C-alpha cells in the first residue's frame, strides 16, 4: 500500500513539474527557431524543425543587450545588499529588544505588504521627481530597497527568533559588546537565513518590471525586463529574439537557485513562520 501511495505521489509531482516546465521548454524551443519557421508554421510546435542560433545572434548584435545586463546587475545587486543589511539589523532589533510600540511597528511593516504595488507608483514618482532622482538608477535602487525591506525584515526577524537569547547573554557575560555578539556569535548562526533572504530580494529585483519601466525613460538606463518587454514592436514581434533574450535573462536566476535552493526553500518558510 505504501509503495502504491508513493508511486501515486511521484506521478502527481511529475505531472505538476511537467506543467510548470512546459512554458520554459517552449521558451527555449522558440529561441532556437528561425523567425521564418515561427511565422510560416501552420501551428505551434514544441520543438524546432531546424535548430538555429539566429535569435541569440540578433540579441547580441541588434540590441545593446550587455548594457541592459549591466544595468540590471548594478541596480539589483546594490538594492539587494542595502536592503538585506538594513533588514538584518531591523530583524535583530525587533527580536532582541523590547520597546514601546514594537508590536504595532511590526504589524505596520506587515500591513504594508497587503497593498498592491500599483498604489505606490504615483507617490514614488512624485518623491523621485522632487528629489531630482527620476530617470536614474539611484532612484530605482531606492524604490527597490523600499519595496523588499518589509518582507525581508520579517524573514530575518523569524530567523533571529529561532536562535536562543541565552547565546547573546552568555557572550556578553564573557565580555562581548552588543555589536561583537551580533557579528561574531549570532550572524554565523543565521547565515542560511541570510542567504535565503538575499535570494528573495535578488529575485524580486531581477524580475521587477513596472517600477523600472515607469521610473527610467532612457534606453541606456533600462533593466533587462523592460528591455525585453520593449522588443515587441507595434506591427511586428520577433519571437525568436524575444525568447532568446528571456532565456538569457533567466540563466542567472537558474544558476543561483540550483546552487542555493536548499537555503531558499527551507529557510524562507522557516523565517516567515517562526517567532
Protein backbone atom coordinates (compact mmCIF):
# COMPACT_ATOMS: atom_id res chain seq x y z
CA UNK A 1 0.00 0.00 0.00
CA UNK A 2 2.82 2.35 0.89
CA UNK A 3 4.59 1.71 -2.42
CA UNK A 4 1.39 2.39 -4.37
CA UNK A 5 0.86 5.60 -2.41
CA UNK A 6 4.43 6.72 -3.10
CA UNK A 7 4.06 5.88 -6.79
CA UNK A 8 0.88 7.96 -6.99
CA UNK A 9 2.60 10.85 -5.22
CA UNK A 10 5.54 10.73 -7.62
CA UNK A 11 3.20 10.64 -10.62
CA UNK A 12 1.28 13.68 -9.40
CA UNK A 13 4.52 15.57 -8.65
CA UNK A 14 5.92 14.63 -12.06
CA UNK A 15 2.77 15.89 -13.77
CA UNK A 16 2.90 19.16 -11.83
CA UNK A 17 6.58 19.56 -12.69
CA UNK A 18 5.81 18.99 -16.37
CA UNK A 19 3.08 21.64 -16.31
CA UNK A 20 5.50 24.11 -14.70
CA UNK A 21 8.37 23.27 -17.06
CA UNK A 22 6.34 23.29 -20.26
CA UNK A 23 6.38 27.10 -20.72
CA UNK A 24 10.12 27.12 -20.04
CA UNK A 25 10.70 24.34 -22.59
CA UNK A 26 8.58 26.20 -25.14
CA UNK A 27 10.53 29.42 -24.48
CA UNK A 28 13.83 27.63 -25.07
CA UNK A 29 12.45 25.85 -28.15
CA UNK A 30 11.17 29.08 -29.70
CA UNK A 31 14.52 30.77 -29.09
CA UNK A 32 16.12 28.06 -31.25
CA UNK A 33 13.75 28.57 -34.21
CA UNK A 34 14.17 30.94 -37.13
CA UNK A 35 11.64 33.73 -37.50
CA UNK A 36 10.53 32.29 -40.84
CA UNK A 37 9.68 28.95 -39.21
CA UNK A 38 7.75 30.68 -36.43
CA UNK A 39 5.70 32.82 -38.83
CA UNK A 40 5.05 30.26 -41.56
CA UNK A 41 4.33 27.17 -39.47
CA UNK A 42 0.62 26.24 -39.70
CA UNK A 43 0.53 25.57 -35.96
CA UNK A 44 2.79 25.96 -32.98
CA UNK A 45 5.29 23.14 -32.46
CA UNK A 46 7.10 22.28 -29.28
CA UNK A 47 10.43 21.52 -30.95
CA UNK A 48 12.12 23.35 -33.84
CA UNK A 49 12.35 21.66 -37.22
CA UNK A 50 15.83 23.10 -37.63
CA UNK A 51 17.83 24.38 -34.69
CA UNK A 52 19.34 27.82 -35.24
CA UNK A 53 21.03 30.42 -33.06
CA UNK A 54 19.59 33.26 -35.12
CA UNK A 55 17.66 34.66 -32.16
CA UNK A 56 20.73 34.71 -29.90
CA UNK A 57 22.86 36.37 -32.59
CA UNK A 58 20.20 39.01 -33.10
CA UNK A 59 20.02 39.70 -29.36
CA UNK A 60 23.78 40.24 -29.22
CA UNK A 61 24.07 42.28 -32.42
CA UNK A 62 20.80 44.20 -32.83
CA UNK A 63 20.28 45.28 -29.23
CA UNK A 64 22.59 46.70 -26.52
CA UNK A 65 21.94 43.53 -24.53
CA UNK A 66 25.03 43.72 -22.35
CA UNK A 67 24.14 47.28 -21.37
CA UNK A 68 20.79 46.01 -20.13
CA UNK A 69 22.51 43.19 -18.25
CA UNK A 70 24.96 45.62 -16.66
CA UNK A 71 22.10 47.91 -15.61
CA UNK A 72 20.16 45.04 -14.03
CA UNK A 73 23.19 43.62 -12.23
CA UNK A 74 24.12 47.04 -10.84
CA UNK A 75 20.64 48.09 -9.72
CA UNK A 76 19.63 44.72 -8.29
CA UNK A 77 22.95 44.00 -6.57
CA UNK A 78 23.16 47.38 -4.81
CA UNK A 79 19.49 47.36 -3.79
CA UNK A 80 19.75 43.77 -2.54
CA UNK A 81 22.87 44.41 -0.44
CA UNK A 82 21.47 47.57 1.14
CA UNK A 83 18.02 46.08 1.75
CA UNK A 84 19.41 42.90 3.31
CA UNK A 85 21.80 44.89 5.52
CA UNK A 86 19.01 47.11 6.88
CA UNK A 87 16.59 44.17 7.17
CA UNK A 88 19.13 42.14 9.12
CA UNK A 89 19.70 44.94 11.64
CA UNK A 90 15.96 45.63 11.90
CA UNK A 91 15.14 41.94 12.35
CA UNK A 92 17.76 41.61 15.09
CA UNK A 93 16.47 44.72 16.84
CA UNK A 94 12.87 43.52 16.81
CA UNK A 95 13.94 40.08 18.01
CA UNK A 96 16.24 41.10 20.84
CA UNK A 97 14.91 44.41 22.18
CA UNK A 98 11.64 45.34 23.82
CA UNK A 99 10.49 48.93 23.33
CA UNK A 100 7.26 50.93 23.23
CA UNK A 101 5.29 50.41 20.03
CA UNK A 102 7.32 47.36 18.97
CA UNK A 103 4.29 45.17 18.24
CA UNK A 104 2.47 47.98 16.45
CA UNK A 105 5.51 48.72 14.30
CA UNK A 106 5.92 45.05 13.38
CA UNK A 107 2.25 44.89 12.42
CA UNK A 108 2.57 48.08 10.36
CA UNK A 109 5.51 46.61 8.43
CA UNK A 110 3.45 43.51 7.68
CA UNK A 111 0.37 45.51 6.67
CA UNK A 112 2.39 47.44 4.06
CA UNK A 113 2.71 44.17 2.14
CA UNK A 114 -1.07 43.84 1.83
CA UNK A 115 -1.43 46.77 -0.57
CA UNK A 116 -0.89 46.32 -4.32
CA UNK A 117 2.22 47.89 -5.82
CA UNK A 118 0.14 49.95 -8.24
CA UNK A 119 -0.84 52.21 -5.31
CA UNK A 120 2.80 53.24 -4.91
CA UNK A 121 3.56 54.38 -8.46
CA UNK A 122 2.35 57.98 -8.08
CA UNK A 123 3.83 58.58 -4.57
CA UNK A 124 7.18 57.13 -5.61
CA UNK A 125 7.20 59.13 -8.83
CA UNK A 126 6.45 62.41 -7.03
CA UNK A 127 9.13 61.74 -4.42
CA UNK A 128 11.77 60.91 -7.02
CA UNK A 129 10.83 63.97 -9.10
CA UNK A 130 11.06 66.20 -6.01
CA UNK A 131 14.50 64.83 -5.13
CA UNK A 132 15.72 65.02 -8.73
CA UNK A 133 16.13 61.24 -8.93
CA UNK A 134 13.62 60.40 -11.65
CA UNK A 135 15.09 58.60 -14.67
CA UNK A 136 18.13 57.48 -12.71
CA UNK A 137 19.50 54.24 -11.32
CA UNK A 138 19.77 55.82 -7.87
CA UNK A 139 16.04 56.48 -7.76
CA UNK A 140 15.26 52.96 -8.96
CA UNK A 141 17.58 51.48 -6.33
CA UNK A 142 15.80 53.41 -3.58
CA UNK A 143 12.43 52.14 -4.83
CA UNK A 144 13.65 48.54 -4.91
CA UNK A 145 15.07 48.86 -1.40
CA UNK A 146 11.80 50.21 -0.04
CA UNK A 147 9.88 47.50 -1.87
CA UNK A 148 11.66 44.48 -0.35
CA UNK A 149 12.73 45.70 3.11
CA UNK A 150 9.39 44.96 4.88
CA UNK A 151 9.19 41.26 3.99
CA UNK A 152 12.96 40.78 4.36
CA UNK A 153 12.71 42.28 7.86
CA UNK A 154 10.02 39.79 8.80
CA UNK A 155 12.10 36.94 7.40
CA UNK A 156 15.17 37.93 9.41
CA UNK A 157 13.05 38.57 12.49
CA UNK A 158 11.85 34.97 12.29
CA UNK A 159 15.38 33.63 11.89
CA UNK A 160 16.73 35.60 14.85
CA UNK A 161 13.80 34.42 16.98
CA UNK A 162 14.82 30.83 16.26
CA UNK A 163 18.20 31.46 17.94
CA UNK A 164 18.26 31.28 21.71
CA UNK A 165 18.75 34.59 23.51
CA UNK A 166 20.89 32.75 26.05
CA UNK A 167 23.72 32.77 23.48
CA UNK A 168 23.70 36.58 23.49
CA UNK A 169 23.63 36.68 27.25
CA UNK A 170 26.48 34.17 27.58
CA UNK A 171 28.61 36.14 25.08
CA UNK A 172 28.01 39.41 26.92
CA UNK A 173 28.85 37.79 30.27
CA UNK A 174 32.17 36.81 28.67
CA UNK A 175 32.83 40.46 27.86
CA UNK A 176 31.46 40.80 24.33
CA UNK A 177 29.66 44.01 23.43
CA UNK A 178 26.33 44.04 21.64
CA UNK A 179 27.84 44.57 18.17
CA UNK A 180 30.57 41.99 18.77
CA UNK A 181 27.94 39.48 19.87
CA UNK A 182 25.83 40.25 16.82
CA UNK A 183 28.62 39.84 14.25
CA UNK A 184 30.66 37.05 15.87
CA UNK A 185 28.04 34.90 17.58
CA UNK A 186 24.57 35.43 16.13
CA UNK A 187 25.27 36.23 12.47
CA UNK A 188 27.14 32.98 11.67
CA UNK A 189 24.15 31.02 13.01
CA UNK A 190 21.73 32.92 10.77
CA UNK A 191 23.85 32.54 7.62
CA UNK A 192 21.37 30.14 5.92
CA UNK A 193 18.54 32.57 6.65
CA UNK A 194 20.61 35.48 5.41
CA UNK A 195 21.28 33.63 2.16
CA UNK A 196 17.61 32.84 1.59
CA UNK A 197 16.64 36.45 2.33
CA UNK A 198 19.27 37.66 -0.13
CA UNK A 199 17.97 35.28 -2.80
CA UNK A 200 14.42 36.51 -2.25
CA UNK A 201 15.45 40.18 -2.55
CA UNK A 202 17.56 39.48 -5.64
CA UNK A 203 14.79 37.59 -7.43
CA UNK A 204 12.28 40.34 -6.65
CA UNK A 205 14.55 42.98 -8.14
CA UNK A 206 15.74 40.95 -11.12
CA UNK A 207 12.19 40.18 -12.29
CA UNK A 208 10.66 43.59 -11.47
CA UNK A 209 9.15 45.31 -14.50
CA UNK A 210 6.65 48.09 -13.69
CA UNK A 211 8.81 50.26 -11.42
CA UNK A 212 11.73 50.05 -13.85
CA UNK A 213 9.50 50.91 -16.82
CA UNK A 214 7.92 53.94 -15.11
CA UNK A 215 10.99 55.41 -13.41
CA UNK A 216 13.55 55.02 -16.24
CA UNK A 217 12.95 56.60 -19.64
CA UNK A 218 16.41 56.50 -21.18
CA UNK A 219 17.39 53.47 -23.25
CA UNK A 220 20.82 53.43 -21.61
CA UNK A 221 19.23 53.05 -18.16
CA UNK A 222 16.77 50.26 -18.89
CA UNK A 223 16.93 47.00 -16.99
CA UNK A 224 16.51 43.60 -18.64
CA UNK A 225 12.76 43.07 -18.01
CA UNK A 226 11.90 46.47 -19.53
CA UNK A 227 14.23 45.97 -22.49
CA UNK A 228 12.77 42.55 -23.22
CA UNK A 229 9.23 43.87 -22.97
CA UNK A 230 10.02 46.61 -25.48
CA UNK A 231 11.33 44.14 -28.05
CA UNK A 232 7.68 43.75 -29.07
CA UNK A 233 7.00 46.37 -31.72
CA UNK A 234 3.64 47.78 -32.79
CA UNK A 235 3.49 45.90 -36.10
CA UNK A 236 5.95 43.05 -35.68
CA UNK A 237 7.24 40.76 -32.95
CA UNK A 238 10.44 38.80 -33.46
CA UNK A 239 9.52 35.92 -31.20
CA UNK A 240 12.85 34.15 -31.51
CA UNK A 241 14.70 37.30 -30.38
CA UNK A 242 12.24 37.79 -27.54
CA UNK A 243 12.53 34.21 -26.33
CA UNK A 244 16.32 34.20 -26.70
CA UNK A 245 16.59 37.32 -24.54
CA UNK A 246 14.18 35.81 -22.00
CA UNK A 247 16.22 32.61 -21.86
CA UNK A 248 19.46 34.50 -21.31
CA UNK A 249 17.90 36.68 -18.60
CA UNK A 250 16.67 33.55 -16.80
CA UNK A 251 20.11 31.94 -16.60
CA UNK A 252 21.45 33.93 -13.61
CA UNK A 253 18.39 33.06 -11.52
CA UNK A 254 18.56 29.43 -12.62
CA UNK A 255 22.21 29.11 -11.62
CA UNK A 256 21.58 30.95 -8.34
CA UNK A 257 18.64 28.74 -7.46
CA UNK A 258 20.38 25.48 -8.41
CA UNK A 259 23.26 26.17 -6.04
CA UNK A 260 21.29 27.73 -3.17
CA UNK A 261 17.85 26.10 -3.42
CA UNK A 262 18.15 24.26 -0.09
CA UNK A 263 18.57 27.57 1.73
CA UNK A 264 15.80 29.30 -0.18
CA UNK A 265 13.14 26.58 0.20
CA UNK A 266 13.65 25.55 3.82
CA UNK A 267 14.76 28.79 5.38
CA UNK A 268 12.38 31.20 3.65
CA UNK A 269 9.45 29.20 5.01
CA UNK A 270 11.08 28.91 8.41
CA UNK A 271 11.82 32.61 8.60
CA UNK A 272 8.30 33.52 7.57
CA UNK A 273 6.53 31.48 10.25
CA UNK A 274 8.83 31.46 13.26
CA UNK A 275 8.63 33.99 16.01
